[in-house]
Amino acid sequence: MTLRRLVLWRHGETDYNAAGRMQGQLDSALTEVGWNQARFAAPALAKFEPDLVIASDLRRATDTATVLTDAFALPLRLDKRLRETHLGEWQGLTGADVDERAPGERNRWRLDATWAPPGGESRLEVAERAHEVVADLLHGDDDVETVLFAAHGGLILALTARLLRLPVALWPSLGGIANCHWVELEYQDDVWRLRAYNAGITG
């Protein structure tokens, strides 16, 4: 088999999400709502019949992934290259905290994929390390056709833009990914095509 489809699944709600804090690579925990979101989404994701699930090693993504892999006996691999954007000095702060310390900088970060928070990563840097995981799947020895990444909203957005070869200036035109929603991409003739963006099950 050859890789033909990627499903990029964002983790469930965390304590930091609920409190409005910026997580970055801080290792926040799923809330009960987050666990339930994962349980609710898992049957829909299982219908993609993933041959492999690869999760960020941050526990919010790993825990979300295990809801799916345990329920449907799917192989799970952890990869730190799928971690969320490192937000540097902003990690753990609320949006209001950042706005008070550095007025206008959060908006600059949203609109410029090449810019990074102090001590952190740009979206371009995040996309490149995540793209390495995809390249390993395309050119490695894994016998897989459909792979699911359990990861993070910022990384999913950046990787999607990178795979679709969007001009960097257009990356901010992609909207955010809700907790436990996903992106579906199909690979054919050396081109990635977007099949679904911010898809999910609500109830």
N, C-alpha and C. Protein backbone atom coordinates (compact mmCIF):
# COMPACT_ATOMS: atom_id res chain seq x y z
N MET A 1 0.84 -1.20 0.00
CA MET A 1 0.00 0.00 0.00
C MET A 1 0.88 1.25 0.00
N THR A 2 0.32 2.33 -0.52
CA THR A 2 0.99 3.62 -0.54
C THR A 2 0.09 4.65 0.14
N LEU A 3 0.68 5.57 0.84
CA LEU A 3 -0.11 6.58 1.54
C LEU A 3 -1.00 7.33 0.55
N ARG A 4 -2.29 7.32 0.86
CA ARG A 4 -3.28 7.98 0.00
C ARG A 4 -4.12 9.02 0.75
N ARG A 5 -4.18 8.90 2.08
CA ARG A 5 -5.06 9.79 2.82
C ARG A 5 -4.47 10.11 4.19
N LEU A 6 -4.59 11.37 4.58
CA LEU A 6 -4.23 11.83 5.92
C LEU A 6 -5.47 12.43 6.58
N VAL A 7 -5.68 12.05 7.82
CA VAL A 7 -6.72 12.67 8.64
C VAL A 7 -6.01 13.33 9.82
N LEU A 8 -6.19 14.63 9.97
CA LEU A 8 -5.51 15.41 11.01
C LEU A 8 -6.54 15.78 12.06
N TRP A 9 -6.45 15.17 13.24
CA TRP A 9 -7.47 15.26 14.28
C TRP A 9 -6.95 16.08 15.45
N ARG A 10 -7.67 17.15 15.78
CA ARG A 10 -7.27 17.95 16.94
C ARG A 10 -7.77 17.29 18.23
N HIS A 11 -6.98 17.44 19.28
CA HIS A 11 -7.32 16.88 20.59
C HIS A 11 -8.61 17.49 21.16
N GLY A 12 -9.15 16.85 22.18
CA GLY A 12 -10.32 17.36 22.87
C GLY A 12 -10.00 18.55 23.77
N GLU A 13 -11.06 19.11 24.33
CA GLU A 13 -10.89 20.28 25.19
C GLU A 13 -9.98 19.97 26.37
N THR A 14 -9.13 20.95 26.71
CA THR A 14 -8.22 20.83 27.85
C THR A 14 -8.57 21.84 28.93
N ASP A 15 -7.93 21.68 30.07
CA ASP A 15 -8.13 22.65 31.15
C ASP A 15 -7.68 24.05 30.71
N TYR A 16 -6.62 24.13 29.91
CA TYR A 16 -6.16 25.42 29.41
C TYR A 16 -7.15 26.01 28.40
N ASN A 17 -7.71 25.16 27.52
CA ASN A 17 -8.74 25.65 26.60
C ASN A 17 -9.90 26.26 27.38
N ALA A 18 -10.34 25.54 28.40
CA ALA A 18 -11.50 25.98 29.18
C ALA A 18 -11.21 27.30 29.91
N ALA A 19 -9.95 27.51 30.29
CA ALA A 19 -9.57 28.72 31.02
C ALA A 19 -9.13 29.86 30.10
N GLY A 20 -9.09 29.61 28.79
CA GLY A 20 -8.67 30.64 27.85
C GLY A 20 -7.19 30.93 27.87
N ARG A 21 -6.38 29.91 28.24
CA ARG A 21 -4.93 30.10 28.29
C ARG A 21 -4.26 29.50 27.06
N MET A 22 -3.15 30.09 26.67
CA MET A 22 -2.40 29.64 25.51
C MET A 22 -1.47 28.50 25.93
N GLN A 23 -1.64 27.34 25.31
CA GLN A 23 -0.94 26.14 25.77
C GLN A 23 0.44 26.00 25.16
N GLY A 24 0.52 26.12 23.84
CA GLY A 24 1.79 25.83 23.19
C GLY A 24 2.21 24.40 23.52
N GLN A 25 3.42 24.24 24.02
CA GLN A 25 3.92 22.91 24.35
C GLN A 25 3.83 22.59 25.83
N LEU A 26 3.10 23.41 26.60
CA LEU A 26 2.80 23.01 27.98
C LEU A 26 1.90 21.79 27.95
N ASP A 27 2.08 20.89 28.92
CA ASP A 27 1.42 19.58 28.84
C ASP A 27 0.10 19.59 29.62
N SER A 28 -0.88 20.27 29.07
CA SER A 28 -2.19 20.39 29.72
C SER A 28 -2.99 19.10 29.58
N ALA A 29 -4.03 18.98 30.41
CA ALA A 29 -4.81 17.74 30.49
C ALA A 29 -6.20 17.93 29.88
N LEU A 30 -6.74 16.84 29.34
CA LEU A 30 -8.12 16.87 28.86
C LEU A 30 -9.08 17.09 30.02
N THR A 31 -10.11 17.88 29.78
CA THR A 31 -11.22 17.98 30.73
C THR A 31 -12.16 16.79 30.49
N GLU A 32 -13.16 16.64 31.33
CA GLU A 32 -14.16 15.59 31.10
C GLU A 32 -14.89 15.85 29.79
N VAL A 33 -15.12 17.13 29.49
CA VAL A 33 -15.71 17.46 28.19
C VAL A 33 -14.82 16.96 27.06
N GLY A 34 -13.50 17.17 27.19
CA GLY A 34 -12.56 16.73 26.17
C GLY A 34 -12.57 15.23 25.97
N TRP A 35 -12.60 14.48 27.08
CA TRP A 35 -12.68 13.02 26.97
C TRP A 35 -13.96 12.61 26.24
N ASN A 36 -15.06 13.26 26.58
CA ASN A 36 -16.33 12.91 25.95
C ASN A 36 -16.35 13.29 24.47
N GLN A 37 -15.72 14.41 24.13
CA GLN A 37 -15.61 14.78 22.71
C GLN A 37 -14.88 13.69 21.92
N ALA A 38 -13.79 13.18 22.51
CA ALA A 38 -13.02 12.12 21.83
C ALA A 38 -13.85 10.85 21.69
N ARG A 39 -14.57 10.49 22.74
CA ARG A 39 -15.41 9.29 22.67
C ARG A 39 -16.50 9.42 21.61
N PHE A 40 -17.03 10.63 21.49
CA PHE A 40 -18.10 10.87 20.54
C PHE A 40 -17.59 10.84 19.10
N ALA A 41 -16.38 11.38 18.89
CA ALA A 41 -15.81 11.45 17.55
C ALA A 41 -15.21 10.14 17.07
N ALA A 42 -14.77 9.29 17.99
CA ALA A 42 -14.01 8.10 17.62
C ALA A 42 -14.72 7.21 16.59
N PRO A 43 -16.01 6.89 16.74
CA PRO A 43 -16.64 6.02 15.74
C PRO A 43 -16.63 6.62 14.33
N ALA A 44 -16.78 7.94 14.23
CA ALA A 44 -16.74 8.58 12.90
C ALA A 44 -15.34 8.48 12.30
N LEU A 45 -14.32 8.66 13.12
CA LEU A 45 -12.94 8.57 12.62
C LEU A 45 -12.57 7.14 12.27
N ALA A 46 -13.11 6.17 13.00
CA ALA A 46 -12.83 4.77 12.70
C ALA A 46 -13.32 4.39 11.30
N LYS A 47 -14.32 5.11 10.79
CA LYS A 47 -14.83 4.81 9.45
C LYS A 47 -13.82 5.13 8.35
N PHE A 48 -12.82 5.95 8.66
CA PHE A 48 -11.73 6.17 7.70
C PHE A 48 -10.82 4.95 7.58
N GLU A 49 -10.96 4.01 8.52
CA GLU A 49 -10.15 2.78 8.55
C GLU A 49 -8.65 3.09 8.51
N PRO A 50 -8.17 3.89 9.46
CA PRO A 50 -6.73 4.20 9.46
C PRO A 50 -5.88 2.96 9.71
N ASP A 51 -4.80 2.87 8.96
CA ASP A 51 -3.85 1.77 9.16
C ASP A 51 -2.91 2.06 10.32
N LEU A 52 -2.78 3.34 10.67
CA LEU A 52 -1.85 3.77 11.71
C LEU A 52 -2.33 5.09 12.27
N VAL A 53 -2.18 5.26 13.58
CA VAL A 53 -2.43 6.54 14.24
C VAL A 53 -1.10 7.02 14.80
N ILE A 54 -0.74 8.25 14.47
CA ILE A 54 0.47 8.87 15.01
C ILE A 54 0.04 10.07 15.81
N ALA A 55 0.46 10.13 17.07
CA ALA A 55 0.03 11.21 17.97
C ALA A 55 1.23 12.04 18.43
N SER A 56 0.98 13.31 18.64
CA SER A 56 1.91 14.14 19.39
C SER A 56 2.14 13.50 20.75
N ASP A 57 3.34 13.68 21.29
CA ASP A 57 3.63 13.10 22.60
C ASP A 57 3.13 13.96 23.76
N LEU A 58 2.52 15.10 23.48
CA LEU A 58 1.86 15.86 24.53
C LEU A 58 0.58 15.13 24.92
N ARG A 59 0.31 15.03 26.22
CA ARG A 59 -0.69 14.07 26.67
C ARG A 59 -2.10 14.39 26.21
N ARG A 60 -2.41 15.66 25.92
CA ARG A 60 -3.76 15.95 25.45
C ARG A 60 -4.02 15.29 24.10
N ALA A 61 -2.99 15.21 23.25
CA ALA A 61 -3.13 14.54 21.96
C ALA A 61 -3.04 13.02 22.12
N THR A 62 -2.10 12.56 22.94
CA THR A 62 -1.96 11.12 23.17
C THR A 62 -3.22 10.54 23.79
N ASP A 63 -3.78 11.22 24.80
CA ASP A 63 -4.99 10.72 25.44
C ASP A 63 -6.16 10.70 24.46
N THR A 64 -6.28 11.73 23.65
CA THR A 64 -7.33 11.75 22.62
C THR A 64 -7.16 10.57 21.67
N ALA A 65 -5.92 10.34 21.23
CA ALA A 65 -5.65 9.23 20.31
C ALA A 65 -6.02 7.88 20.91
N THR A 66 -5.71 7.68 22.19
CA THR A 66 -5.94 6.36 22.78
C THR A 66 -7.43 6.03 22.90
N VAL A 67 -8.27 7.05 22.96
CA VAL A 67 -9.71 6.77 22.94
C VAL A 67 -10.07 6.03 21.66
N LEU A 68 -9.50 6.46 20.55
CA LEU A 68 -9.75 5.82 19.26
C LEU A 68 -9.02 4.49 19.13
N THR A 69 -7.72 4.48 19.45
CA THR A 69 -6.93 3.27 19.22
C THR A 69 -7.34 2.13 20.15
N ASP A 70 -7.70 2.44 21.39
CA ASP A 70 -8.12 1.39 22.31
C ASP A 70 -9.47 0.81 21.91
N ALA A 71 -10.38 1.67 21.47
CA ALA A 71 -11.73 1.21 21.12
C ALA A 71 -11.74 0.37 19.84
N PHE A 72 -10.82 0.66 18.92
CA PHE A 72 -10.87 0.00 17.62
C PHE A 72 -9.58 -0.78 17.29
N ALA A 73 -8.76 -1.02 18.32
CA ALA A 73 -7.57 -1.87 18.17
C ALA A 73 -6.68 -1.40 17.02
N LEU A 74 -6.35 -0.11 17.02
CA LEU A 74 -5.50 0.46 15.99
C LEU A 74 -4.10 0.70 16.52
N PRO A 75 -3.08 0.54 15.69
CA PRO A 75 -1.71 0.79 16.15
C PRO A 75 -1.48 2.28 16.38
N LEU A 76 -0.72 2.57 17.45
CA LEU A 76 -0.45 3.96 17.84
C LEU A 76 1.05 4.16 17.94
N ARG A 77 1.50 5.28 17.39
CA ARG A 77 2.90 5.69 17.46
C ARG A 77 2.94 7.13 17.95
N LEU A 78 3.91 7.48 18.77
CA LEU A 78 4.08 8.85 19.24
C LEU A 78 5.24 9.51 18.50
N ASP A 79 5.06 10.80 18.21
CA ASP A 79 6.11 11.53 17.48
C ASP A 79 6.12 12.98 17.97
N LYS A 80 7.22 13.38 18.58
CA LYS A 80 7.29 14.73 19.15
C LYS A 80 7.28 15.82 18.07
N ARG A 81 7.51 15.45 16.82
CA ARG A 81 7.45 16.44 15.74
C ARG A 81 6.02 16.93 15.50
N LEU A 82 5.04 16.24 16.07
CA LEU A 82 3.64 16.66 15.95
C LEU A 82 3.19 17.52 17.12
N ARG A 83 4.11 17.96 17.96
CA ARG A 83 3.73 18.85 19.05
C ARG A 83 3.19 20.17 18.52
N GLU A 84 2.41 20.83 19.38
CA GLU A 84 1.88 22.14 19.03
C GLU A 84 3.02 23.16 18.90
N THR A 85 2.71 24.28 18.28
CA THR A 85 3.63 25.41 18.17
C THR A 85 4.17 25.79 19.55
N HIS A 86 5.49 25.95 19.64
CA HIS A 86 6.05 26.47 20.88
C HIS A 86 5.79 27.97 20.90
N LEU A 87 5.09 28.43 21.93
CA LEU A 87 4.69 29.83 22.01
C LEU A 87 5.63 30.68 22.85
N GLY A 88 6.77 30.12 23.22
CA GLY A 88 7.79 30.91 23.90
C GLY A 88 7.26 31.57 25.17
N GLU A 89 7.47 32.87 25.28
CA GLU A 89 7.09 33.60 26.49
C GLU A 89 5.58 33.71 26.68
N TRP A 90 4.81 33.36 25.66
CA TRP A 90 3.35 33.46 25.76
C TRP A 90 2.71 32.23 26.40
N GLN A 91 3.44 31.15 26.52
CA GLN A 91 2.84 29.91 27.00
C GLN A 91 2.31 30.09 28.43
N GLY A 92 1.07 29.67 28.62
CA GLY A 92 0.43 29.76 29.92
C GLY A 92 -0.32 31.05 30.16
N LEU A 93 -0.14 32.03 29.27
CA LEU A 93 -0.82 33.32 29.43
C LEU A 93 -2.19 33.30 28.76
N THR A 94 -3.08 34.16 29.21
CA THR A 94 -4.33 34.38 28.49
C THR A 94 -4.07 35.37 27.35
N GLY A 95 -5.02 35.43 26.42
CA GLY A 95 -4.91 36.41 25.36
C GLY A 95 -4.82 37.82 25.90
N ALA A 96 -5.60 38.09 26.96
CA ALA A 96 -5.57 39.43 27.56
C ALA A 96 -4.21 39.74 28.17
N ASP A 97 -3.57 38.72 28.76
CA ASP A 97 -2.22 38.91 29.31
C ASP A 97 -1.24 39.34 28.22
N VAL A 98 -1.30 38.63 27.08
CA VAL A 98 -0.39 38.94 25.98
C VAL A 98 -0.67 40.33 25.43
N ASP A 99 -1.95 40.65 25.29
CA ASP A 99 -2.31 41.96 24.73
C ASP A 99 -1.83 43.09 25.64
N GLU A 100 -1.84 42.84 26.94
CA GLU A 100 -1.38 43.87 27.87
C GLU A 100 0.13 44.05 27.79
N ARG A 101 0.84 42.92 27.67
CA ARG A 101 2.30 42.98 27.64
C ARG A 101 2.83 43.45 26.29
N ALA A 102 2.16 43.03 25.22
CA ALA A 102 2.66 43.32 23.87
C ALA A 102 1.48 43.66 22.96
N PRO A 103 0.96 44.85 23.07
CA PRO A 103 -0.22 45.23 22.28
C PRO A 103 0.02 45.04 20.77
N GLY A 104 -0.94 44.39 20.13
CA GLY A 104 -0.88 44.18 18.69
C GLY A 104 -0.11 42.97 18.23
N GLU A 105 0.67 42.35 19.12
CA GLU A 105 1.54 41.26 18.68
C GLU A 105 0.76 39.97 18.41
N ARG A 106 -0.32 39.73 19.14
CA ARG A 106 -1.11 38.53 18.84
C ARG A 106 -1.72 38.62 17.45
N ASN A 107 -2.17 39.79 17.07
CA ASN A 107 -2.74 39.97 15.74
C ASN A 107 -1.65 39.81 14.67
N ARG A 108 -0.47 40.33 14.95
CA ARG A 108 0.65 40.16 14.03
C ARG A 108 0.95 38.68 13.83
N TRP A 109 0.94 37.93 14.92
CA TRP A 109 1.21 36.49 14.87
C TRP A 109 0.17 35.77 14.03
N ARG A 110 -1.10 36.14 14.17
CA ARG A 110 -2.16 35.50 13.39
C ARG A 110 -2.01 35.77 11.90
N LEU A 111 -1.53 36.96 11.55
CA LEU A 111 -1.52 37.39 10.15
C LEU A 111 -0.21 37.14 9.42
N ASP A 112 0.83 36.70 10.13
CA ASP A 112 2.14 36.50 9.51
C ASP A 112 2.70 35.15 9.93
N ALA A 113 2.65 34.19 9.02
CA ALA A 113 3.10 32.83 9.33
C ALA A 113 4.60 32.73 9.51
N THR A 114 5.33 33.79 9.15
CA THR A 114 6.79 33.77 9.31
C THR A 114 7.23 34.33 10.66
N TRP A 115 6.31 34.91 11.41
CA TRP A 115 6.64 35.58 12.67
C TRP A 115 6.40 34.65 13.85
N ALA A 116 7.26 34.72 14.85
CA ALA A 116 7.16 33.86 16.02
C ALA A 116 7.05 34.70 17.29
N PRO A 117 6.31 34.23 18.29
CA PRO A 117 6.33 34.90 19.59
C PRO A 117 7.74 34.86 20.17
N PRO A 118 8.08 35.76 21.07
CA PRO A 118 9.42 35.77 21.66
C PRO A 118 9.78 34.41 22.26
N GLY A 119 10.87 33.82 21.77
CA GLY A 119 11.31 32.52 22.26
C GLY A 119 10.55 31.34 21.70
N GLY A 120 9.68 31.60 20.74
CA GLY A 120 8.84 30.52 20.20
C GLY A 120 9.11 30.21 18.74
N GLU A 121 8.16 29.51 18.12
CA GLU A 121 8.28 29.06 16.73
C GLU A 121 7.31 29.82 15.83
N SER A 122 7.68 29.97 14.58
CA SER A 122 6.75 30.47 13.57
C SER A 122 5.93 29.29 13.03
N ARG A 123 4.84 29.60 12.36
CA ARG A 123 4.04 28.55 11.74
C ARG A 123 4.84 27.83 10.64
N LEU A 124 5.70 28.56 9.96
CA LEU A 124 6.54 27.91 8.94
C LEU A 124 7.41 26.83 9.57
N GLU A 125 8.00 27.12 10.71
CA GLU A 125 8.86 26.14 11.39
C GLU A 125 8.05 24.93 11.84
N VAL A 126 6.85 25.17 12.34
CA VAL A 126 5.99 24.08 12.77
C VAL A 126 5.62 23.19 11.57
N ALA A 127 5.26 23.83 10.47
CA ALA A 127 4.88 23.09 9.28
C ALA A 127 6.02 22.21 8.77
N GLU A 128 7.24 22.71 8.83
CA GLU A 128 8.37 21.94 8.31
C GLU A 128 8.63 20.70 9.14
N ARG A 129 8.56 20.81 10.47
CA ARG A 129 8.82 19.60 11.27
C ARG A 129 7.68 18.60 11.13
N ALA A 130 6.44 19.09 11.00
CA ALA A 130 5.33 18.17 10.80
C ALA A 130 5.40 17.52 9.42
N HIS A 131 5.86 18.29 8.44
CA HIS A 131 5.97 17.75 7.08
C HIS A 131 6.99 16.61 7.01
N GLU A 132 7.99 16.65 7.88
CA GLU A 132 8.95 15.54 7.93
C GLU A 132 8.26 14.21 8.24
N VAL A 133 7.24 14.25 9.08
CA VAL A 133 6.51 13.02 9.43
C VAL A 133 5.79 12.49 8.19
N VAL A 134 5.18 13.39 7.43
CA VAL A 134 4.50 12.98 6.20
C VAL A 134 5.49 12.42 5.20
N ALA A 135 6.63 13.09 5.05
CA ALA A 135 7.66 12.61 4.11
C ALA A 135 8.15 11.23 4.50
N ASP A 136 8.31 10.98 5.79
CA ASP A 136 8.73 9.65 6.25
C ASP A 136 7.71 8.59 5.84
N LEU A 137 6.43 8.93 5.91
CA LEU A 137 5.38 7.98 5.52
C LEU A 137 5.38 7.73 4.02
N LEU A 138 5.61 8.78 3.24
CA LEU A 138 5.59 8.64 1.78
C LEU A 138 6.80 7.88 1.26
N HIS A 139 7.94 8.02 1.95
CA HIS A 139 9.19 7.47 1.42
C HIS A 139 9.79 6.38 2.30
N GLY A 140 9.11 6.02 3.37
CA GLY A 140 9.64 5.02 4.29
C GLY A 140 9.09 3.63 4.02
N ASP A 141 9.18 2.80 5.02
CA ASP A 141 8.81 1.38 4.88
C ASP A 141 7.43 1.06 5.42
N ASP A 142 6.70 2.04 5.93
CA ASP A 142 5.38 1.76 6.48
C ASP A 142 4.41 1.37 5.36
N ASP A 143 3.71 0.27 5.57
CA ASP A 143 2.74 -0.23 4.60
C ASP A 143 1.36 0.32 4.98
N VAL A 144 1.12 1.57 4.61
CA VAL A 144 -0.08 2.27 5.06
C VAL A 144 -0.73 3.00 3.89
N GLU A 145 -2.04 3.07 3.92
CA GLU A 145 -2.80 3.83 2.93
C GLU A 145 -3.49 5.04 3.56
N THR A 146 -4.02 4.86 4.78
CA THR A 146 -4.65 5.95 5.51
C THR A 146 -3.99 6.08 6.88
N VAL A 147 -3.56 7.30 7.20
CA VAL A 147 -2.92 7.55 8.49
C VAL A 147 -3.64 8.71 9.16
N LEU A 148 -3.85 8.59 10.45
CA LEU A 148 -4.47 9.65 11.25
C LEU A 148 -3.43 10.24 12.19
N PHE A 149 -3.30 11.56 12.17
CA PHE A 149 -2.46 12.27 13.13
C PHE A 149 -3.37 12.82 14.23
N ALA A 150 -3.07 12.53 15.47
CA ALA A 150 -3.75 13.16 16.61
C ALA A 150 -2.83 14.27 17.09
N ALA A 151 -3.24 15.50 16.86
CA ALA A 151 -2.30 16.60 17.07
C ALA A 151 -3.02 17.85 17.60
N HIS A 152 -2.64 19.01 17.10
CA HIS A 152 -3.02 20.28 17.70
C HIS A 152 -3.47 21.27 16.62
N GLY A 153 -4.32 22.22 17.03
CA GLY A 153 -4.91 23.12 16.06
C GLY A 153 -3.92 23.92 15.25
N GLY A 154 -2.93 24.52 15.91
CA GLY A 154 -1.95 25.32 15.19
C GLY A 154 -1.12 24.49 14.22
N LEU A 155 -0.71 23.31 14.66
CA LEU A 155 0.07 22.43 13.80
C LEU A 155 -0.77 21.95 12.62
N ILE A 156 -2.02 21.59 12.86
CA ILE A 156 -2.88 21.10 11.78
C ILE A 156 -3.07 22.17 10.72
N LEU A 157 -3.32 23.39 11.15
CA LEU A 157 -3.48 24.49 10.20
C LEU A 157 -2.20 24.67 9.37
N ALA A 158 -1.06 24.72 10.04
CA ALA A 158 0.21 24.95 9.34
C ALA A 158 0.54 23.80 8.39
N LEU A 159 0.34 22.56 8.83
CA LEU A 159 0.65 21.43 7.97
C LEU A 159 -0.30 21.37 6.78
N THR A 160 -1.56 21.68 6.99
CA THR A 160 -2.51 21.70 5.88
C THR A 160 -2.09 22.71 4.83
N ALA A 161 -1.73 23.91 5.27
CA ALA A 161 -1.29 24.94 4.33
C ALA A 161 -0.04 24.50 3.57
N ARG A 162 0.88 23.86 4.28
CA ARG A 162 2.13 23.39 3.66
C ARG A 162 1.85 22.29 2.64
N LEU A 163 0.99 21.34 2.97
CA LEU A 163 0.70 20.24 2.05
C LEU A 163 -0.06 20.73 0.81
N LEU A 164 -0.90 21.72 0.98
CA LEU A 164 -1.65 22.27 -0.14
C LEU A 164 -0.83 23.27 -0.97
N ARG A 165 0.39 23.53 -0.51
CA ARG A 165 1.30 24.46 -1.20
C ARG A 165 0.70 25.86 -1.33
N LEU A 166 -0.01 26.28 -0.30
CA LEU A 166 -0.56 27.62 -0.31
C LEU A 166 0.57 28.65 -0.19
N PRO A 167 0.48 29.75 -0.90
CA PRO A 167 1.44 30.84 -0.67
C PRO A 167 1.40 31.24 0.81
N VAL A 168 2.56 31.50 1.38
CA VAL A 168 2.64 31.79 2.81
C VAL A 168 1.73 32.95 3.20
N ALA A 169 1.59 33.93 2.33
CA ALA A 169 0.74 35.08 2.63
C ALA A 169 -0.72 34.69 2.81
N LEU A 170 -1.11 33.52 2.27
CA LEU A 170 -2.50 33.08 2.36
C LEU A 170 -2.76 32.13 3.54
N TRP A 171 -1.73 31.72 4.24
CA TRP A 171 -1.94 30.80 5.36
C TRP A 171 -2.94 31.32 6.37
N PRO A 172 -2.94 32.61 6.70
CA PRO A 172 -3.92 33.09 7.68
C PRO A 172 -5.37 33.01 7.20
N SER A 173 -5.58 32.73 5.90
CA SER A 173 -6.96 32.62 5.40
C SER A 173 -7.62 31.32 5.85
N LEU A 174 -6.85 30.36 6.34
CA LEU A 174 -7.43 29.14 6.88
C LEU A 174 -7.93 29.41 8.30
N GLY A 175 -9.14 28.99 8.58
CA GLY A 175 -9.71 29.18 9.91
C GLY A 175 -9.18 28.17 10.90
N GLY A 176 -9.52 28.37 12.16
CA GLY A 176 -9.07 27.46 13.21
C GLY A 176 -9.79 26.13 13.18
N ILE A 177 -9.25 25.18 13.91
CA ILE A 177 -9.82 23.84 14.03
C ILE A 177 -10.41 23.70 15.43
N ALA A 178 -11.68 23.34 15.52
CA ALA A 178 -12.33 23.17 16.81
C ALA A 178 -11.82 21.91 17.51
N ASN A 179 -11.96 21.87 18.81
CA ASN A 179 -11.57 20.66 19.56
C ASN A 179 -12.26 19.43 18.99
N CYS A 180 -11.45 18.39 18.76
CA CYS A 180 -11.90 17.08 18.26
C CYS A 180 -12.51 17.15 16.87
N HIS A 181 -12.21 18.20 16.10
CA HIS A 181 -12.56 18.25 14.69
C HIS A 181 -11.33 17.87 13.86
N TRP A 182 -11.53 17.69 12.58
CA TRP A 182 -10.43 17.15 11.77
C TRP A 182 -10.41 17.72 10.37
N VAL A 183 -9.27 17.45 9.71
CA VAL A 183 -9.02 17.78 8.31
C VAL A 183 -8.76 16.47 7.58
N GLU A 184 -9.32 16.34 6.39
CA GLU A 184 -9.06 15.16 5.55
C GLU A 184 -8.37 15.60 4.27
N LEU A 185 -7.24 14.98 3.97
CA LEU A 185 -6.45 15.28 2.77
C LEU A 185 -6.21 13.99 1.99
N GLU A 186 -6.30 14.10 0.67
CA GLU A 186 -6.10 12.95 -0.22
C GLU A 186 -4.88 13.20 -1.11
N TYR A 187 -4.05 12.17 -1.27
CA TYR A 187 -2.81 12.30 -2.05
C TYR A 187 -2.93 11.50 -3.34
N GLN A 188 -2.76 12.19 -4.47
CA GLN A 188 -2.83 11.53 -5.77
C GLN A 188 -2.01 12.33 -6.77
N ASP A 189 -1.25 11.61 -7.58
CA ASP A 189 -0.43 12.25 -8.62
C ASP A 189 0.50 13.32 -8.02
N ASP A 190 1.08 13.00 -6.86
CA ASP A 190 2.03 13.88 -6.18
C ASP A 190 1.42 15.20 -5.73
N VAL A 191 0.12 15.23 -5.56
CA VAL A 191 -0.57 16.44 -5.12
C VAL A 191 -1.50 16.10 -3.96
N TRP A 192 -1.48 16.92 -2.91
CA TRP A 192 -2.44 16.78 -1.82
C TRP A 192 -3.67 17.63 -2.12
N ARG A 193 -4.83 17.02 -1.95
CA ARG A 193 -6.10 17.71 -2.18
C ARG A 193 -6.91 17.72 -0.89
N LEU A 194 -7.56 18.84 -0.63
CA LEU A 194 -8.37 18.99 0.57
C LEU A 194 -9.75 18.40 0.34
N ARG A 195 -10.12 17.44 1.19
CA ARG A 195 -11.44 16.83 1.10
C ARG A 195 -12.40 17.35 2.17
N ALA A 196 -11.87 17.72 3.33
CA ALA A 196 -12.71 18.26 4.41
C ALA A 196 -11.83 19.09 5.33
N TYR A 197 -12.41 20.17 5.88
CA TYR A 197 -11.67 21.06 6.77
C TYR A 197 -12.55 21.42 7.95
N ASN A 198 -12.02 21.23 9.16
CA ASN A 198 -12.77 21.50 10.39
C ASN A 198 -14.07 20.71 10.44
N ALA A 199 -13.98 19.46 9.98
CA ALA A 199 -15.14 18.56 10.03
C ALA A 199 -15.27 17.99 11.43
N GLY A 200 -16.48 17.62 11.80
CA GLY A 200 -16.65 17.05 13.12
C GLY A 200 -18.06 16.57 13.36
N ILE A 201 -18.24 15.94 14.50
CA ILE A 201 -19.54 15.46 14.95
C ILE A 201 -19.95 16.30 16.14
N THR A 202 -21.10 16.89 16.10
CA THR A 202 -21.59 17.65 17.24
C THR A 202 -22.88 17.04 17.74
N GLY A 203 -23.10 17.13 19.03
CA GLY A 203 -24.31 16.55 19.58
C GLY A 203 -24.41 16.83 21.06
